[in-house]
Each structure stands twice: as structure tokens, then as C-alpha cells.
Amino acid sequence: MQPHVDVLTLGVRDLEVSRRFYLDGLKWAATLDVASEVVFIQVGHGLLLALYDIEKLEAEADADYQSGAVPPISLGHNVHSEEEVDAVLAQAGTAGGSIIAPGRKMSWGGYSGYFADPDGFRWEVVYNPGLIVDADGTVRIGSAA
């Protein structure tokens, strides 16, 4: 099996709230938006973020996701500057997200902060000058210090 991810699916409590947050608030574009079913958003080269009703996801995956705890995951959103980190965090807050940690210098040399979407999924907004994505999609991570 080749290591890759094609779709990241978030089980959301209210699809309409999540749709408004991501599409209207963050201004991301839907690749496919099926009312009351699912929203697909292209978030990278061949990579989709799916917003899907948590009850439907539970039924499909035979799992209990509604215990009340936020799943232990954070999604990374890399940007090109410290100022852009702060701007994205501000946009997420204006869109209805919660700022979990404001942008700050990190011990590893970069700058990052966190916000949570309406379901509590955490997004790290990060400027890492050591992270480089080549034209072919290959990711290289060097020192950020």
C-alpha cells in the first residue's frame, strides 16, 4: 500500500453550520455540495476535505463518534508568513470559529496558532520556512530556525 491520503472526512454535528463556516466564513470553494448530505472541498493537489453528517459517518464506519470529546486530531494549514498566520486566525474567528491559541513563535523556529471549527476540529495555522513543496508535490522539511 502506497502512503497517501485522498480525502479527510470530518464527522460534523450540523452540516449547515459547517458549510457556512468553511464556504462562507473561510471563503473556501466547494468541489461538490450535496444539500443535507456532504460537502467536498479541494484542499490540495488531489486532496479533498469532506464535511459529512456525524450520524451517517457513525453508521458507515460502525463507530461511536459522539461521546462528546473532540477527536485527537489537528489539521495543518501552512502559510507564507507570520502575518498570514494572524490573518487566517482572525478570519476563522470572524467566521465563527474559536481561537484556541493565538499566533506565536514556536520553539522549533516557526510561528503558529490554532483555531477550532464549529465542531471543535482543531486547525493549526503555521508558517514554517523549512517546509518546502516542490512542483511535483514532494514535501521537504528542513530546519526552520
Protein backbone atom coordinates (compact mmCIF):
# COMPACT_ATOMS: atom_id res chain seq x y z
CA MET A 1 0.00 0.00 0.00
CA GLN A 2 1.37 3.39 -1.00
CA PRO A 3 1.21 6.06 1.75
CA HIS A 4 -1.17 8.81 0.71
CA VAL A 5 -4.42 10.44 1.73
CA ASP A 6 -7.07 11.41 -0.79
CA VAL A 7 -9.95 12.50 1.45
CA LEU A 8 -10.04 13.78 5.03
CA THR A 9 -13.59 13.34 6.33
CA LEU A 10 -14.81 15.32 9.31
CA GLY A 11 -17.93 13.98 11.02
CA VAL A 12 -19.84 17.19 11.78
CA ARG A 13 -22.80 17.72 14.09
CA ASP A 14 -24.54 20.28 11.86
CA LEU A 15 -23.68 20.20 8.17
CA GLU A 16 -25.22 23.62 7.51
CA VAL A 17 -23.18 25.28 10.28
CA SER A 18 -20.01 23.65 8.94
CA ARG A 19 -20.92 24.63 5.36
CA ARG A 20 -21.35 28.27 6.41
CA PHE A 21 -18.07 28.22 8.37
CA TYR A 22 -15.91 26.77 5.60
CA LEU A 23 -17.63 28.14 2.48
CA ASP A 24 -18.99 31.50 3.61
CA GLY A 25 -16.69 32.30 6.51
CA LEU A 26 -13.32 30.99 5.31
CA LYS A 27 -14.26 31.56 1.64
CA TRP A 28 -13.25 28.06 0.55
CA ALA A 29 -14.91 26.73 -2.61
CA ALA A 30 -16.93 23.54 -2.71
CA THR A 31 -15.92 20.98 -5.31
CA LEU A 32 -19.23 19.21 -4.69
CA ASP A 33 -22.01 20.35 -2.35
CA VAL A 34 -24.93 17.94 -1.92
CA ALA A 35 -27.51 19.60 0.33
CA SER A 36 -28.12 17.73 3.59
CA GLU A 37 -25.55 15.09 2.58
CA VAL A 38 -21.92 16.13 2.13
CA VAL A 39 -19.62 18.99 1.12
CA PHE A 40 -16.32 18.26 -0.63
CA ILE A 41 -13.64 20.97 -0.69
CA GLN A 42 -10.37 20.58 -2.58
CA VAL A 43 -7.63 21.46 -0.10
CA GLY A 44 -4.55 20.36 -2.03
CA HIS A 45 -3.22 18.58 -5.06
CA GLY A 46 -5.64 15.65 -5.33
CA LEU A 47 -6.73 16.14 -1.70
CA LEU A 48 -10.31 16.69 -0.55
CA LEU A 49 -11.79 17.69 2.78
CA ALA A 50 -15.25 16.15 3.25
CA LEU A 51 -17.80 17.54 5.69
CA TYR A 52 -20.21 14.71 6.49
CA ASP A 53 -23.03 14.25 8.97
CA ILE A 54 -21.59 12.55 12.05
CA GLU A 55 -24.54 10.15 12.42
CA LYS A 56 -24.17 8.97 8.83
CA LEU A 57 -20.43 8.56 9.35
CA GLU A 58 -21.05 6.54 12.51
CA ALA A 59 -23.44 4.25 10.65
CA GLU A 60 -20.99 3.74 7.78
CA ALA A 61 -17.93 3.22 9.98
CA ASP A 62 -19.75 1.25 12.72
CA ALA A 63 -18.33 3.59 15.34
CA ASP A 64 -19.37 5.90 18.18
CA TYR A 65 -18.01 9.36 17.45
CA GLN A 66 -20.50 11.29 19.58
CA SER A 67 -19.07 10.63 23.03
CA GLY A 68 -18.67 14.39 23.36
CA ALA A 69 -14.91 14.51 23.07
CA VAL A 70 -13.24 16.16 20.11
CA PRO A 71 -11.23 13.57 18.17
CA PRO A 72 -7.48 13.83 18.84
CA ILE A 73 -6.51 15.33 15.50
CA SER A 74 -5.32 18.64 14.18
CA LEU A 75 -5.26 19.65 10.56
CA GLY A 76 -2.34 21.74 9.34
CA HIS A 77 -2.71 24.80 7.13
CA ASN A 78 0.68 26.13 6.06
CA VAL A 79 1.02 29.77 5.01
CA HIS A 80 3.87 32.01 3.79
CA SER A 81 4.39 34.43 6.70
CA GLU A 82 3.73 35.15 10.35
CA GLU A 83 1.35 37.91 9.29
CA GLU A 84 -0.63 35.43 7.23
CA VAL A 85 -0.96 33.14 10.28
CA ASP A 86 -2.54 36.00 12.21
CA ALA A 87 -4.80 36.96 9.29
CA VAL A 88 -6.11 33.40 8.86
CA LEU A 89 -6.74 33.09 12.60
CA ALA A 90 -8.66 36.37 12.53
CA GLN A 91 -10.72 35.21 9.55
CA ALA A 92 -11.54 31.93 11.31
CA GLY A 93 -12.63 33.82 14.42
CA THR A 94 -14.82 36.15 12.37
CA ALA A 95 -16.32 33.14 10.57
CA GLY A 96 -17.49 31.64 13.88
CA GLY A 97 -14.51 29.52 14.85
CA SER A 98 -12.82 29.61 18.23
CA ILE A 99 -9.26 30.80 18.57
CA ILE A 100 -7.60 28.09 20.67
CA ALA A 101 -4.08 29.55 20.64
CA PRO A 102 -3.07 32.88 19.08
CA GLY A 103 -0.13 33.02 16.70
CA ARG A 104 3.21 32.84 18.45
CA LYS A 105 6.87 31.97 17.87
CA MET A 106 7.47 28.27 18.35
CA SER A 107 10.49 26.55 19.89
CA TRP A 108 11.29 24.87 16.56
CA GLY A 109 11.69 28.21 14.79
CA GLY A 110 8.34 28.70 13.09
CA TYR A 111 5.20 30.61 14.03
CA SER A 112 1.77 29.07 14.56
CA GLY A 113 -1.62 29.31 16.20
CA TYR A 114 -4.75 27.20 16.41
CA PHE A 115 -8.45 27.64 15.79
CA ALA A 116 -11.35 25.23 16.13
CA ASP A 117 -14.23 24.93 13.68
CA PRO A 118 -17.85 24.76 14.94
CA ASP A 119 -17.45 21.03 15.74
CA GLY A 120 -14.22 21.56 17.64
CA PHE A 121 -11.84 20.19 15.00
CA ARG A 122 -8.55 21.94 15.53
CA TRP A 123 -6.63 23.59 12.72
CA GLU A 124 -3.01 24.64 13.13
CA VAL A 125 -2.18 27.66 11.01
CA VAL A 126 1.57 27.61 10.63
CA TYR A 127 4.42 29.45 8.99
CA ASN A 128 7.32 27.02 8.66
CA PRO A 129 10.10 28.43 6.49
CA GLY A 130 11.72 24.97 6.49
CA LEU A 131 8.75 23.30 4.78
CA ILE A 132 9.08 23.29 1.02
CA VAL A 133 6.70 21.71 -1.51
CA ASP A 134 8.33 21.01 -4.86
CA ALA A 135 6.45 21.41 -8.15
CA ASP A 136 5.86 17.64 -8.29
CA GLY A 137 4.22 17.75 -4.84
CA THR A 138 7.18 16.32 -2.94
CA VAL A 139 7.42 17.81 0.55
CA ARG A 140 10.81 18.61 2.08
CA ILE A 141 11.14 19.64 5.71
CA GLY A 142 14.33 21.32 6.82
CA SER A 143 15.29 23.50 9.73
CA ALA A 144 13.00 26.44 10.40
CA ALA A 145 15.43 28.09 12.79
